[in-house]
Protein backbone atom coordinates (compact mmCIF):
# COMPACT_ATOMS: atom_id res chain seq x y z
CA MET A 1 85.43 104.96 133.29
CA LYS A 2 86.46 104.13 129.75
CA LYS A 3 89.50 102.43 129.13
CA LYS A 4 91.98 103.99 127.19
CA PHE A 5 94.50 101.59 125.37
CA TYR A 6 96.54 102.96 122.29
CA LEU A 7 97.09 100.36 119.43
CA LEU A 8 98.55 101.36 116.87
CA PRO A 9 100.57 100.90 113.11
CA ALA A 10 102.87 99.93 110.30
CA LEU A 11 105.21 96.57 109.72
CA THR A 12 104.88 93.71 107.76
CA ILE A 13 105.29 90.43 109.75
CA ALA A 14 104.02 88.07 106.47
CA LEU A 15 104.86 84.62 108.65
CA MET A 16 103.86 81.50 109.03
CA ALA A 17 101.70 79.11 106.39
CA ASN A 18 98.18 79.06 107.03
CA VAL A 19 97.85 76.18 109.24
CA ALA A 20 94.44 74.85 109.25
CA GLY A 21 93.39 72.71 112.17
CA ALA A 22 95.68 72.99 114.31
CA THR A 23 94.66 71.65 117.97
CA ALA A 24 95.17 73.01 121.13
CA ALA A 25 98.13 70.59 122.08
CA GLU A 26 100.05 71.43 118.53
CA LEU A 27 99.74 75.13 119.55
CA GLN A 28 103.00 76.70 121.90
CA PRO A 29 101.97 77.88 125.48
CA VAL A 30 100.96 81.79 125.33
CA PRO A 31 104.29 83.63 126.62
CA PRO A 32 103.18 86.07 130.17
CA LEU A 33 103.83 89.65 129.97
CA THR A 34 103.87 92.05 132.29
CA LYS A 35 101.47 94.61 131.65
CA GLU A 36 104.70 97.13 130.97
CA GLU A 37 106.44 94.69 128.75
CA PHE A 38 102.46 94.87 126.97
CA ALA A 39 102.07 98.37 126.81
CA THR A 40 105.52 98.58 125.37
CA ALA A 41 104.76 96.08 122.56
CA THR A 42 101.66 97.59 121.96
CA LYS A 43 103.29 100.59 120.45
CA VAL A 44 105.94 98.77 118.68
CA TYR A 45 103.17 97.21 116.99
CA PHE A 46 101.67 100.33 116.38
CA ASP A 47 104.53 102.00 115.01
CA ARG A 48 105.78 99.13 112.47
CA CYS A 49 103.25 96.17 111.78
CA GLY A 50 99.63 97.39 112.69
CA GLY A 51 99.35 99.13 108.67
CA CYS A 52 99.81 95.97 106.81
CA HIS A 53 98.42 93.34 109.85
CA GLY A 54 95.43 95.27 111.25
CA THR A 55 94.98 96.57 114.46
CA LEU A 56 93.28 93.03 115.40
CA ARG A 57 95.62 91.29 113.60
CA LYS A 58 93.44 89.81 111.37
CA GLY A 59 95.72 90.69 108.41
CA ALA A 60 95.03 92.42 105.20
CA THR A 61 98.42 93.53 103.10
CA GLY A 62 100.10 91.12 105.64
CA LYS A 63 98.98 88.04 106.88
CA ALA A 64 96.72 87.52 109.90
CA LEU A 65 98.64 87.42 113.06
CA THR A 66 96.30 86.14 115.59
CA PRO A 67 97.01 83.59 118.23
CA ASP A 68 95.98 80.29 116.30
CA LYS A 69 98.33 81.13 113.39
CA THR A 70 101.15 82.70 115.53
CA ARG A 71 101.13 79.92 118.41
CA THR A 72 102.48 76.98 115.28
CA LYS A 73 105.70 78.24 115.44
CA THR A 74 107.83 78.97 118.37
CA VAL A 75 108.60 82.34 119.76
CA GLU A 76 112.48 82.15 118.76
CA LYS A 77 111.14 81.54 115.18
CA LEU A 78 108.65 83.96 115.34
CA ALA A 79 111.56 86.41 117.07
CA GLU A 80 113.41 85.25 114.07
CA ILE A 81 111.08 86.16 111.18
CA ILE A 82 110.70 89.41 112.16
CA HIS A 83 114.57 89.94 112.88
CA ILE A 84 115.28 89.38 108.81
CA GLY A 85 112.45 89.66 106.87
CA THR A 86 110.60 87.89 104.50
CA GLU A 87 110.61 87.15 100.30
CA GLY A 88 107.09 88.37 100.65
CA GLY A 89 107.85 92.53 101.11
CA MET A 90 108.77 92.75 105.05
CA PRO A 91 112.50 94.68 105.82
CA GLY A 92 114.02 92.62 108.36
CA TRP A 93 113.30 94.79 111.15
CA GLY A 94 116.12 94.01 113.31
CA THR A 95 118.55 93.95 110.27
CA THR A 96 117.62 97.17 109.20
CA GLY A 97 118.38 98.83 112.54
CA VAL A 98 114.83 98.87 113.46
CA LEU A 99 114.86 96.67 115.97
CA THR A 100 116.79 95.23 118.67
CA LYS A 101 117.05 91.31 119.15
CA ASP A 102 115.24 91.71 122.43
CA GLU A 103 112.21 94.22 120.80
CA SER A 104 111.80 91.20 118.05
CA THR A 105 111.83 88.48 120.95
CA LEU A 106 109.31 90.62 122.96
CA LEU A 107 106.42 91.63 119.60
CA ALA A 108 106.89 87.66 118.77
CA LYS A 109 105.38 87.71 122.43
CA PHE A 110 103.02 89.84 121.98
CA ILE A 111 101.72 88.54 118.55
CA GLN A 112 101.38 85.36 120.75
CA ASN A 113 98.99 86.93 122.97
CA GLU A 114 95.07 87.72 122.14
CA PRO A 115 94.72 90.82 120.16
CA VAL A 116 93.18 93.74 122.48
CA ALA A 117 90.45 96.10 120.94
CA PRO A 118 91.62 100.01 121.54
CA PRO A 119 88.43 102.28 122.29
CA GLU A 120 85.87 103.66 119.90
CA PHE A 121 86.19 107.19 119.49
CA ASP A 122 83.53 109.37 118.95
CA MET A 123 82.36 113.48 118.53
CA LYS A 124 82.87 113.99 121.85
CA ASP A 125 86.35 112.62 121.54
CA ILE A 126 87.10 114.18 118.39
CA ARG A 127 86.11 117.55 119.26
CA ALA A 128 88.27 117.08 122.23
CA THR A 129 91.00 117.19 120.50
CA TRP A 130 90.30 119.56 118.06
CA LYS A 131 93.00 123.22 118.42
CA LEU A 132 92.31 126.19 116.04
CA HIS A 133 95.53 127.79 116.39
CA VAL A 134 95.11 130.80 114.40
CA LYS A 135 91.36 131.87 112.85
CA PRO A 136 90.34 132.05 109.19
CA ALA A 137 90.39 136.03 110.25
CA ASP A 138 93.24 136.22 111.06
CA ARG A 139 95.50 135.15 108.57
CA PRO A 140 97.42 136.93 106.36
CA LYS A 141 94.95 138.40 102.79
CA ALA A 142 98.34 137.40 100.56
CA PRO A 143 101.51 136.00 100.77
CA MET A 144 103.78 137.03 103.35
CA HIS A 145 106.93 135.86 101.20
CA LYS A 146 107.97 136.13 97.94
CA ARG A 147 108.86 132.15 97.35
CA ASN A 148 107.01 130.43 94.63
CA ILE A 149 104.91 128.02 96.63
CA GLU A 150 103.79 126.30 93.21
CA ASN A 151 107.40 124.44 93.41
CA LEU A 152 107.31 124.00 97.62
CA PHE A 153 108.14 120.49 98.44
CA ALA A 154 106.40 119.28 101.99
CA VAL A 155 108.25 116.52 103.26
CA ILE A 156 107.25 113.79 105.60
CA LEU A 157 109.88 113.53 108.56
CA ARG A 158 108.40 109.94 109.42
CA ASP A 159 109.86 109.64 112.79
CA ALA A 160 109.82 112.71 113.68
CA GLY A 161 106.49 113.54 113.58
CA LYS A 162 107.57 116.63 111.43
CA ILE A 163 106.89 117.97 107.85
CA GLY A 164 109.67 119.51 106.19
CA ILE A 165 109.39 122.54 103.59
CA ILE A 166 111.69 122.65 101.26
CA ASP A 167 112.18 125.50 98.90
CA GLY A 168 112.41 123.75 95.31
CA ASP A 169 113.95 126.65 93.57
CA THR A 170 116.76 127.43 95.98
CA LYS A 171 116.94 124.02 97.65
CA GLU A 172 116.90 125.79 101.35
CA VAL A 173 114.58 123.50 104.08
CA TRP A 174 112.78 126.77 104.59
CA THR A 175 111.64 124.87 107.86
CA THR A 176 109.86 122.36 110.13
CA VAL A 177 106.09 122.23 111.50
CA ASP A 178 105.03 119.40 113.50
CA SER A 179 102.80 116.66 112.34
CA GLY A 180 101.16 113.24 113.80
CA PHE A 181 103.64 110.43 114.22
CA ALA A 182 104.78 108.64 110.55
CA VAL A 183 102.62 110.90 108.51
CA HIS A 184 101.40 108.82 105.52
CA THR A 185 100.46 111.17 103.18
CA LEU A 186 99.94 115.07 102.42
CA ARG A 187 97.57 116.69 100.20
CA TYR A 188 97.22 120.70 99.26
CA SER A 189 93.76 122.40 98.58
CA PHE A 190 92.50 123.38 95.09
CA SER A 191 94.24 126.76 96.18
CA GLY A 192 97.67 125.49 96.72
CA ARG A 193 97.34 127.71 100.29
CA TYR A 194 97.03 125.02 102.64
CA LEU A 195 98.81 121.68 102.93
CA TYR A 196 96.77 118.82 104.85
CA THR A 197 99.21 115.87 106.61
CA ILE A 198 97.79 112.98 108.65
CA GLY A 199 99.70 110.80 110.84
CA ARG A 200 99.31 107.36 111.79
CA ASP A 201 98.25 108.47 115.13
CA ALA A 202 94.74 109.72 113.29
CA LYS A 203 96.45 113.86 114.21
CA ALA A 204 95.12 116.02 111.50
CA THR A 205 96.90 118.96 110.31
CA ILE A 206 96.32 122.01 107.86
CA VAL A 207 99.22 124.77 107.15
CA ASP A 208 99.21 127.76 105.94
CA LEU A 209 101.97 128.55 102.73
CA TRP A 210 101.34 132.15 102.60
CA MET A 211 103.01 132.53 106.35
CA ASP A 212 106.40 133.10 106.74
CA PRO A 213 107.52 130.62 107.51
CA PRO A 214 105.04 128.38 107.15
CA GLN A 215 103.21 127.00 110.35
CA THR A 216 100.23 124.86 111.88
CA VAL A 217 96.64 126.57 111.80
CA ALA A 218 94.17 124.09 112.84
CA GLU A 219 94.62 120.67 113.98
CA VAL A 220 92.45 117.54 115.18
CA LYS A 221 92.80 113.51 115.92
CA THR A 222 90.09 111.62 114.38
CA GLY A 223 90.45 108.55 116.06
CA ILE A 224 93.18 106.53 117.17
CA GLU A 225 94.79 105.19 113.42
CA ALA A 226 94.83 106.98 110.29
CA ARG A 227 95.98 106.86 106.33
CA SER A 228 94.48 109.57 104.25
CA ILE A 229 93.54 113.07 103.87
CA ASP A 230 92.11 115.07 100.78
CA SER A 231 89.86 118.16 100.48
CA SER A 232 87.34 119.37 98.50
CA LYS A 233 88.12 119.79 94.94
CA TYR A 234 85.23 120.30 92.62
CA LYS A 235 84.97 123.38 90.77
CA GLY A 236 81.14 123.63 90.09
CA PRO A 237 79.63 126.22 88.41
CA LYS A 238 80.80 129.17 91.36
CA GLY A 239 83.60 126.74 93.01
CA ASP A 240 81.27 126.75 96.05
CA PHE A 241 83.05 123.07 97.10
CA LEU A 242 86.72 124.71 96.50
CA ASP A 243 89.04 124.64 99.86
CA LYS A 244 85.75 124.41 102.19
CA LEU A 245 85.78 120.67 103.01
CA ALA A 246 88.22 117.96 104.38
CA VAL A 247 87.95 114.22 104.43
CA VAL A 248 90.32 111.87 106.82
CA GLY A 249 89.68 108.00 106.44
CA ASN A 250 90.53 106.33 109.85
CA TYR A 251 92.30 102.04 110.75
CA TRP A 252 90.56 102.61 113.92
CA PRO A 253 87.71 103.32 114.66
CA PRO A 254 86.71 102.58 110.95
CA SER A 255 85.10 105.27 109.64
CA TYR A 256 85.87 108.87 107.38
CA VAL A 257 85.42 111.70 108.96
CA ILE A 258 84.18 115.04 107.13
CA LEU A 259 85.87 118.45 108.51
CA ASP A 260 85.67 122.44 107.81
CA GLY A 261 88.55 122.31 104.95
CA GLN A 262 89.60 125.95 106.54
CA THR A 263 89.85 124.77 110.13
CA LEU A 264 89.92 121.03 110.63
CA GLU A 265 86.54 121.66 112.85
CA PRO A 266 84.75 118.25 112.79
CA MET A 267 81.72 118.10 111.39
CA LYS A 268 80.64 114.13 110.55
CA ILE A 269 81.78 110.73 111.27
CA VAL A 270 80.65 108.37 109.27
CA GLY A 271 81.42 104.41 110.07
CA THR A 272 82.21 101.94 107.40
CA ARG A 273 82.15 98.17 109.29
CA GLY A 274 79.94 95.71 107.36
CA TYR A 275 79.87 93.03 105.14
CA THR A 276 82.24 92.12 102.96
CA TYR A 277 81.63 91.96 99.03
CA ASP A 278 82.03 88.18 98.03
CA THR A 279 81.34 86.24 101.49
CA ASN A 280 79.30 88.77 103.29
CA GLU A 281 80.80 88.07 105.85
CA PHE A 282 80.44 90.77 108.73
CA HIS A 283 84.07 92.66 109.07
CA GLN A 284 84.39 94.20 112.48
CA GLU A 285 87.86 96.39 110.97
CA PRO A 286 87.22 97.77 107.26
CA ARG A 287 89.78 100.73 107.23
CA VAL A 288 89.45 103.61 104.39
CA ALA A 289 92.83 102.76 102.95
CA SER A 290 93.25 105.77 100.02
CA ILE A 291 91.29 108.90 99.05
CA VAL A 292 91.41 111.38 96.32
CA ALA A 293 88.52 114.03 95.13
CA SER A 294 87.22 113.17 91.85
CA HIS A 295 87.61 115.89 89.14
CA TYR A 296 84.00 115.10 87.82
CA ASP A 297 81.55 115.63 90.57
CA PRO A 298 81.68 116.80 94.08
CA GLU A 299 83.05 113.71 95.58
CA TRP A 300 86.05 111.91 97.67
CA VAL A 301 86.79 108.12 96.26
CA LEU A 302 87.32 106.35 99.32
CA THR A 303 89.05 102.58 99.64
CA VAL A 304 87.65 100.56 101.93
CA LYS A 305 90.47 97.79 102.46
CA GLU A 306 88.86 95.04 104.04
CA THR A 307 85.46 94.58 102.14
CA GLY A 308 86.74 95.50 98.68
CA GLN A 309 84.56 98.36 98.04
CA VAL A 310 84.87 101.59 96.71
CA LEU A 311 82.81 104.79 98.00
CA LEU A 312 82.20 107.63 95.78
CA VAL A 313 80.93 110.23 98.66
CA ASP A 314 78.94 113.13 97.70
CA TYR A 315 79.99 116.53 99.86
CA SER A 316 77.79 118.47 98.55
CA ASP A 317 74.55 117.98 101.14
CA LEU A 318 76.06 116.54 104.22
CA LYS A 319 72.85 116.55 105.95
CA ASN A 320 71.59 113.92 103.27
CA LEU A 321 74.56 112.31 102.47
CA LYS A 322 74.81 110.44 99.16
CA VAL A 323 77.08 107.30 98.87
CA THR A 324 77.60 105.22 95.59
CA THR A 325 79.65 101.67 96.99
CA ILE A 326 80.95 99.61 94.02
CA GLU A 327 82.00 96.52 94.86
CA SER A 328 85.62 95.32 93.21
CA GLU A 329 88.11 93.57 94.99
CA ARG A 330 90.24 92.78 98.48
CA PHE A 331 92.03 94.10 99.76
CA LEU A 332 92.65 97.99 98.62
CA HIS A 333 95.38 99.47 99.16
CA ASP A 334 97.40 102.79 97.54
CA GLY A 335 96.35 103.97 94.13
CA GLY A 336 95.62 107.26 91.90
CA TRP A 337 94.32 108.58 88.64
CA ASP A 338 94.98 107.71 85.04
CA SER A 339 96.30 110.63 83.06
CA SER A 340 92.32 111.61 81.86
CA LYS A 341 91.61 111.82 86.03
CA ARG A 342 88.37 110.05 84.79
CA TYR A 343 90.04 106.22 86.21
CA PHE A 344 90.99 105.97 89.43
CA LEU A 345 93.27 102.45 89.90
CA VAL A 346 93.84 100.89 93.67
CA ALA A 347 95.73 98.00 94.25
CA ALA A 348 93.85 95.08 95.75
CA ASN A 349 97.67 93.91 96.41
CA MET A 350 96.60 90.56 98.54
CA ARG A 351 94.65 89.65 95.19
CA ASP A 352 97.17 90.56 93.12
CA LYS A 353 95.10 92.83 90.83
CA ILE A 354 94.55 96.32 90.39
CA VAL A 355 91.00 97.74 90.26
CA ALA A 356 90.17 100.75 87.90
CA VAL A 357 87.04 102.32 88.58
CA ASP A 358 85.29 105.15 86.33
CA THR A 359 84.36 107.94 88.31
CA LYS A 360 82.20 109.51 85.05
CA THR A 361 79.62 106.50 85.39
CA LYS A 362 80.49 105.48 88.84
CA LYS A 363 80.58 101.77 88.15
CA LEU A 364 83.52 99.43 88.01
CA ALA A 365 85.51 99.68 84.82
CA ALA A 366 87.85 96.59 85.06
CA ILE A 367 89.69 94.30 87.47
CA VAL A 368 93.89 93.37 86.07
CA GLU A 369 95.74 90.64 87.31
CA THR A 370 99.45 92.09 87.38
CA GLY A 371 101.63 90.06 89.81
CA ILE A 372 102.41 89.40 93.16
CA LYS A 373 101.82 92.49 95.89
CA PRO A 374 101.20 95.13 93.47
CA HIS A 375 101.94 98.59 94.97
CA PRO A 376 101.96 102.12 93.13
CA GLY A 377 101.54 104.73 95.76
CA ARG A 378 99.87 107.07 93.50
CA GLY A 379 101.13 105.19 90.10
CA ALA A 380 102.90 106.68 87.38
CA ASN A 381 101.09 107.90 83.46
CA PHE A 382 102.81 108.08 80.07
CA VAL A 383 102.17 107.20 76.89
CA ASP A 384 103.70 103.81 75.92
CA PRO A 385 105.42 103.68 72.26
CA LYS A 386 103.40 100.69 71.14
CA PHE A 387 100.60 100.32 73.36
CA GLY A 388 99.55 103.87 74.16
CA PRO A 389 98.44 105.33 77.61
CA VAL A 390 99.27 103.29 80.32
CA TYR A 391 99.07 102.98 83.71
CA ALA A 392 102.41 102.24 85.88
CA SER A 393 102.88 99.96 89.32
CA THR A 394 105.57 98.33 90.77
CA HIS A 395 105.53 95.40 93.10
CA LEU A 396 106.18 94.13 96.78
CA GLY A 397 106.59 90.45 95.80
CA GLU A 398 108.53 90.75 92.85
CA PRO A 399 111.04 92.57 90.34
CA LEU A 400 108.02 93.78 88.57
CA VAL A 401 106.01 97.23 86.80
CA ALA A 402 103.21 96.40 85.44
CA LEU A 403 101.52 98.14 82.67
CA ILE A 404 98.38 98.60 82.39
CA GLY A 405 96.50 100.08 79.38
CA THR A 406 94.11 103.17 80.21
CA ASP A 407 92.88 104.37 76.74
CA PRO A 408 88.80 102.60 76.94
CA GLU A 409 87.47 104.73 74.33
CA GLY A 410 89.99 105.71 72.03
CA LYS A 411 92.90 104.77 69.38
CA PHE A 412 94.43 101.84 71.74
CA LYS A 413 90.84 100.63 73.11
CA ALA A 414 91.95 97.12 72.04
CA ASN A 415 94.74 97.41 75.03
CA ALA A 416 92.82 98.73 77.72
CA TRP A 417 92.93 97.22 80.96
CA LYS A 418 95.05 94.35 79.93
CA VAL A 419 98.95 94.04 81.25
CA VAL A 420 100.24 95.09 78.17
CA ARG A 421 104.07 95.62 78.89
CA LYS A 422 105.99 94.10 82.21
CA LEU A 423 109.29 95.78 83.03
CA ARG A 424 112.36 94.51 85.06
CA PRO A 425 113.56 97.51 87.57
CA ALA A 426 116.39 95.91 89.64
CA GLY A 427 114.81 94.19 92.63
CA GLU A 428 111.44 93.29 94.45
CA GLY A 429 109.50 95.65 97.38
CA GLY A 430 109.09 98.52 95.10
CA LEU A 431 106.75 101.34 97.17
CA PHE A 432 106.73 103.35 94.48
CA LEU A 433 107.63 104.92 90.82
CA LYS A 434 107.15 108.60 89.03
CA THR A 435 107.71 109.68 85.83
CA HIS A 436 106.10 113.42 84.44
CA PRO A 437 104.22 114.46 81.51
CA LYS A 438 108.06 116.21 80.49
CA SER A 439 109.84 113.24 81.19
CA ASN A 440 111.40 110.53 78.87
CA HIS A 441 112.35 108.30 82.11
CA LEU A 442 110.32 106.36 84.36
CA TRP A 443 112.03 106.13 87.96
CA VAL A 444 111.41 103.13 90.09
CA ASP A 445 112.36 102.30 94.33
CA HIS A 446 112.71 99.07 95.86
CA THR A 447 112.47 100.07 99.41
CA LEU A 448 112.09 96.68 100.89
CA ALA A 449 113.90 94.63 99.27
CA LYS A 450 115.93 91.89 101.32
CA ASN A 451 119.17 93.32 99.32
CA GLU A 452 121.53 96.43 100.68
CA ASP A 453 122.56 97.49 97.94
CA ILE A 454 118.89 97.12 95.87
CA TYR A 455 117.03 98.88 98.16
CA ARG A 456 119.52 101.65 98.23
CA SER A 457 119.26 101.82 94.84
CA VAL A 458 117.10 102.74 92.09
CA SER A 459 116.05 101.72 88.53
CA VAL A 460 115.63 103.94 85.60
CA PHE A 461 114.03 103.12 82.59
CA ASP A 462 113.98 104.94 78.73
CA LEU A 463 110.02 105.38 78.01
CA LYS A 464 111.54 105.70 74.73
CA ASN A 465 113.12 102.41 74.68
CA LEU A 466 111.50 100.07 76.94
CA ASP A 467 112.56 97.01 76.03
CA ALA A 468 116.05 98.03 77.06
CA PRO A 469 117.27 97.08 81.00
CA PRO A 470 116.82 99.65 83.44
CA LYS A 471 120.08 102.07 84.55
CA VAL A 472 120.25 100.85 88.01
CA MET A 473 121.85 103.62 89.91
CA LYS A 474 123.11 103.14 93.89
CA LEU A 475 122.46 106.62 95.70
CA SER A 476 123.51 105.85 98.98
CA ASP A 477 125.59 103.43 101.44
CA LYS A 478 122.96 104.30 104.74
CA GLY A 479 119.54 104.06 105.21
CA ARG A 480 116.78 103.14 102.44
CA VAL A 481 115.61 104.65 99.27
CA VAL A 482 112.65 105.67 98.61
CA HIS A 483 109.87 107.76 97.12
CA MET A 484 110.65 109.53 93.93
CA GLU A 485 109.36 113.34 93.19
CA TYR A 486 109.57 115.84 90.32
CA ASN A 487 109.65 119.91 90.73
CA LYS A 488 107.16 121.75 88.69
CA ALA A 489 109.01 122.38 85.69
CA GLY A 490 109.30 118.59 85.27
CA ASP A 491 112.78 118.62 84.87
CA GLU A 492 114.27 117.56 88.27
CA LEU A 493 113.83 114.41 90.21
CA TRP A 494 114.09 114.54 93.93
CA VAL A 495 114.30 111.16 96.17
CA SER A 496 114.67 110.13 99.63
CA VAL A 497 117.08 108.92 101.82
CA TRP A 498 114.82 107.21 104.23
CA ASP A 499 117.86 107.37 107.66
CA ARG A 500 117.96 109.03 111.32
CA LYS A 501 120.26 111.17 109.35
CA GLY A 502 118.61 111.76 106.19
CA GLU A 503 119.61 113.31 102.71
CA ILE A 504 117.09 114.42 99.66
CA ILE A 505 119.07 114.05 96.29
CA VAL A 506 118.00 116.20 93.18
CA PHE A 507 118.41 114.49 90.07
CA ASP A 508 119.13 116.40 86.54
CA ASP A 509 115.96 114.73 84.85
CA LYS A 510 117.16 114.67 81.15
CA THR A 511 120.84 113.55 82.03
CA LEU A 512 120.27 111.60 84.99
CA LYS A 513 123.15 113.11 86.99
CA GLU A 514 123.17 114.62 90.29
CA LYS A 515 122.35 118.41 90.64
CA ALA A 516 122.30 118.25 94.73
CA ARG A 517 122.15 116.80 98.01
CA ILE A 518 120.24 118.65 100.40
CA THR A 519 121.59 117.80 104.21
CA ASP A 520 120.26 119.08 107.12
CA ALA A 521 119.74 117.64 110.90
CA ARG A 522 116.40 118.84 110.46
CA LEU A 523 115.59 115.77 107.70
CA VAL A 524 115.36 112.99 109.85
CA THR A 525 114.39 109.84 108.43
CA PRO A 526 112.70 111.63 105.44
CA THR A 527 110.14 109.95 102.53
CA GLY A 528 107.27 111.30 100.88
CA LYS A 529 107.62 114.46 99.03
CA PHE A 530 105.03 116.02 97.29
CA ASN A 531 105.76 119.41 95.37
CA VAL A 532 102.77 121.50 95.42
CA TYR A 533 101.89 121.86 91.92
CA ASN A 534 102.01 118.44 90.76
CA THR A 535 100.18 116.87 93.56
CA ARG A 536 97.41 120.00 93.22
CA TYR A 537 97.00 118.79 89.94
CA ASP A 538 97.60 115.01 90.39
CA ILE A 539 100.52 115.10 87.44
CA TYR A 540 102.15 111.52 88.56
């Protein structure tokens, strides 16, 4: 009988210095845990830690938490670090009210015990979770409502396991739909009709926005832990691939899973275990961190965190799958397109670098050193008045927005793949930044900053005067401020207050004045917001 053990993701315990050569006598004893305590701690680790430190606790964005490292400190010291956070980008899980002192202590004991690998998850397991709620033939033939679909916002309600659908024109919370736990990202089909979601628990859903109200029409679990999803968006000569396929990037088991884009029926699993690009060491947990759909070919661009490889997966022939592997840097995380949609830029945040991949030539374009732990989200594109087209990234480890030149074949080619300017927001801990082709502003959050006033604020830069300091605006007296998104017109900026009683604040982007504050009992821990039009066309 296969033993089921669910080890799950998302904290950041950037702990102890690497104590090399510690002897058994120097290590703390292994603290005992009951079966019930171990199960509780496993779930806490899944919810708050695994995303950064890994299912097997070998480290990536966060440091390794294997017993040879963790047992160099006492339980009390580890619990203190968990409780108050670190300067490296990990929030204080106790000081922010997420974990109690007892939970912090339990987690400290847990990470001093040996990691236990979850079970594998094969096609039989995946197919057992697949549910087709509404067949494509039974779905509406035209939108059943008069709402402006292109200006809808899907909002991640992280800890509720739901997605909120908000009408961008009326600011009404139209409905909520069930999703996986702690959804990491959302994508739309090329047509804009379907919303794809992926939870950290690897539950993928597809929501039909033509319905009134929108509802989930299919779901499937592709594994035990996941982070990324996208659909097939290459039009081709006959539009053969539009809305036809979807792909999920798993953290555990390390793999990506190709699905039918209309039904989420699982079609193919491809494992990612292999050798690191630099040392050629075998790695048991190379996780797929981010996915985008190429504009040049029927390909998905997948990043494999631990091995430092970017995969260009050709989905035109699943029976004879062609994958181009590009060696880049470790540990790959989030990223997005430059303004031309030719170059994909992704953070290798533990190496303080950003990787640029040319999806036209299918080769590495550059590796750029930026600052301490870049975290661009999808990034932001605009034209610097002095240096030309740039891609911007904020950073977890220092108050920094790095601007990278992205015009290798144009007027500003001398600036290509260089940090041409460094902006200083109010604090470290930046997760996201945002602008729009019609905007003169760059909005930056500092969600994981240690200072309460800073993590409840945003920094707003004037794109016409980048030498000036940003305008820093405190937006809330609760929670953390996180993730910005524009409406379709590009004249409104939406930002989340991440709290159990969350809010969405809407600003006039021209005047920087608050226009609306969307409050609703259903807005539980709102984080990422994704406008249909901007997400479909990769406008950021």
